[in-house]
């Protein structure tokens, strides 16, 4: 990804984070913008949203954000000087949950290895 796309992505991420935290309420759910991927022509941006909560709550958050994307695009258009304001598309990002699951599996494996006698580990 070029430096320009990275700078635009980070700028959109920061501005969207401010807008969402200021203008939206998600009771009982923690919402954060994990990443923004901007198309090379800067006309479209995929926004990956992390939601700490159950699957039903995550779907409601994404639906609400996609429903209000026109207002967010207008906000971005006022805050960021660009020839075209990118069309925003929100997607769930479950990378944190996957990471926690992998760490849990690694801990389970480590505990199982501790419980095995030395001769079962295949060591001489």
Protein backbone atom coordinates (compact mmCIF):
# COMPACT_ATOMS: atom_id res chain seq x y z
CA UNK A 1 0.00 0.00 0.00
CA UNK A 2 1.35 3.43 -0.88
CA UNK A 3 2.17 6.06 1.71
CA UNK A 4 -0.72 8.19 0.50
CA UNK A 5 -3.25 5.37 0.97
CA UNK A 6 -1.85 4.65 4.43
CA UNK A 7 -2.13 8.30 5.45
CA UNK A 8 -5.70 8.55 4.13
CA UNK A 9 -6.65 5.27 5.86
CA UNK A 10 -5.29 6.45 9.21
CA UNK A 11 -6.95 9.84 8.85
CA UNK A 12 -10.32 8.24 8.08
CA UNK A 13 -9.87 5.82 10.98
CA UNK A 14 -9.20 8.68 13.40
CA UNK A 15 -12.08 10.85 12.17
CA UNK A 16 -14.58 7.97 12.15
CA UNK A 17 -13.52 6.95 15.67
CA UNK A 18 -14.19 10.48 16.92
CA UNK A 19 -17.55 10.66 15.14
CA UNK A 20 -18.75 7.26 16.37
CA UNK A 21 -17.69 7.84 19.96
CA UNK A 22 -19.35 11.27 19.99
CA UNK A 23 -22.59 10.66 18.07
CA UNK A 24 -23.51 7.03 18.68
CA UNK A 25 -24.49 5.08 21.77
CA UNK A 26 -24.17 1.32 21.94
CA UNK A 27 -25.30 0.29 25.43
CA UNK A 28 -23.53 -2.76 26.79
CA UNK A 29 -21.19 -3.00 23.79
CA UNK A 30 -17.65 -1.77 23.18
CA UNK A 31 -17.13 -0.57 19.59
CA UNK A 32 -13.82 0.39 17.99
CA UNK A 33 -12.51 1.00 14.49
CA UNK A 34 -9.72 -1.53 13.86
CA UNK A 35 -8.74 -0.63 10.31
CA UNK A 36 -9.78 1.27 7.21
CA UNK A 37 -8.83 0.03 3.75
CA UNK A 38 -9.11 2.66 1.05
CA UNK A 39 -9.38 1.74 -2.63
CA UNK A 40 -6.50 2.99 -4.80
CA UNK A 41 -8.81 5.50 -6.51
CA UNK A 42 -9.94 6.79 -3.05
CA UNK A 43 -13.61 6.34 -3.94
CA UNK A 44 -14.43 3.50 -1.54
CA UNK A 45 -13.34 2.66 2.00
CA UNK A 46 -13.94 -0.58 3.86
CA UNK A 47 -14.13 0.09 7.59
CA UNK A 48 -13.45 -2.87 9.90
CA UNK A 49 -15.24 -2.51 13.22
CA UNK A 50 -14.46 -4.48 16.35
CA UNK A 51 -17.42 -5.18 18.60
CA UNK A 52 -17.02 -6.66 22.06
CA UNK A 53 -20.33 -8.37 22.66
CA UNK A 54 -22.32 -11.26 21.24
CA UNK A 55 -22.94 -11.93 17.53
CA UNK A 56 -26.43 -10.41 17.61
CA UNK A 57 -25.12 -7.16 19.09
CA UNK A 58 -22.29 -7.05 16.55
CA UNK A 59 -24.76 -7.41 13.68
CA UNK A 60 -26.92 -4.59 15.09
CA UNK A 61 -23.89 -2.30 15.41
CA UNK A 62 -22.76 -2.95 11.83
CA UNK A 63 -26.31 -2.48 10.51
CA UNK A 64 -26.67 0.81 12.41
CA UNK A 65 -23.33 2.10 11.09
CA UNK A 66 -24.13 1.11 7.50
CA UNK A 67 -27.58 2.72 7.84
CA UNK A 68 -25.98 6.02 8.98
CA UNK A 69 -23.04 5.99 6.56
CA UNK A 70 -24.34 8.95 4.52
CA UNK A 71 -24.15 11.21 7.58
CA UNK A 72 -20.65 9.91 8.33
CA UNK A 73 -19.59 10.53 4.74
CA UNK A 74 -20.89 14.11 5.01
CA UNK A 75 -18.90 14.54 8.23
CA UNK A 76 -15.76 13.16 6.56
CA UNK A 77 -16.35 15.47 3.59
CA UNK A 78 -16.35 18.51 5.90
CA UNK A 79 -13.36 17.40 8.00
CA UNK A 80 -11.05 15.99 5.32
CA UNK A 81 -10.15 17.85 2.14
CA UNK A 82 -10.27 15.35 -0.70
CA UNK A 83 -11.52 15.50 -4.28
CA UNK A 84 -13.98 12.68 -3.58
CA UNK A 85 -15.34 11.57 -0.26
CA UNK A 86 -15.03 7.78 -0.15
CA UNK A 87 -18.15 5.65 0.10
CA UNK A 88 -17.96 3.93 3.47
CA UNK A 89 -18.81 0.28 3.94
CA UNK A 90 -18.69 -1.19 7.45
CA UNK A 91 -17.64 -4.79 8.15
CA UNK A 92 -17.27 -6.75 11.40
CA UNK A 93 -13.69 -7.50 12.48
CA UNK A 94 -13.31 -10.46 14.81
CA UNK A 95 -9.50 -10.50 14.88
CA UNK A 96 -9.36 -9.84 18.63
CA UNK A 97 -11.65 -12.78 19.40
CA UNK A 98 -9.59 -15.03 17.08
CA UNK A 99 -6.41 -13.91 18.85
CA UNK A 100 -7.88 -14.65 22.28
CA UNK A 101 -8.99 -18.08 21.04
CA UNK A 102 -5.48 -18.86 19.71
CA UNK A 103 -3.86 -17.77 22.98
CA UNK A 104 -6.30 -19.94 24.93
CA UNK A 105 -5.44 -22.95 22.77
CA UNK A 106 -1.72 -22.34 23.24
CA UNK A 107 -2.19 -22.14 27.02
CA UNK A 108 -4.15 -25.42 26.96
CA UNK A 109 -1.34 -27.11 25.00
CA UNK A 110 1.27 -25.80 27.43
CA UNK A 111 -0.72 -27.12 30.41
CA UNK A 112 -1.11 -30.54 28.77
CA UNK A 113 2.63 -30.74 28.14
CA UNK A 114 3.33 -29.94 31.80
CA UNK A 115 0.99 -32.75 32.85
CA UNK A 116 2.70 -35.38 30.65
CA UNK A 117 5.61 -37.38 32.09
CA UNK A 118 8.99 -36.68 30.42
CA UNK A 119 9.13 -40.02 28.58
CA UNK A 120 5.83 -39.33 26.74
CA UNK A 121 7.18 -36.16 25.16
CA UNK A 122 9.43 -38.18 22.87
CA UNK A 123 12.63 -37.05 24.58
CA UNK A 124 15.46 -39.58 25.25
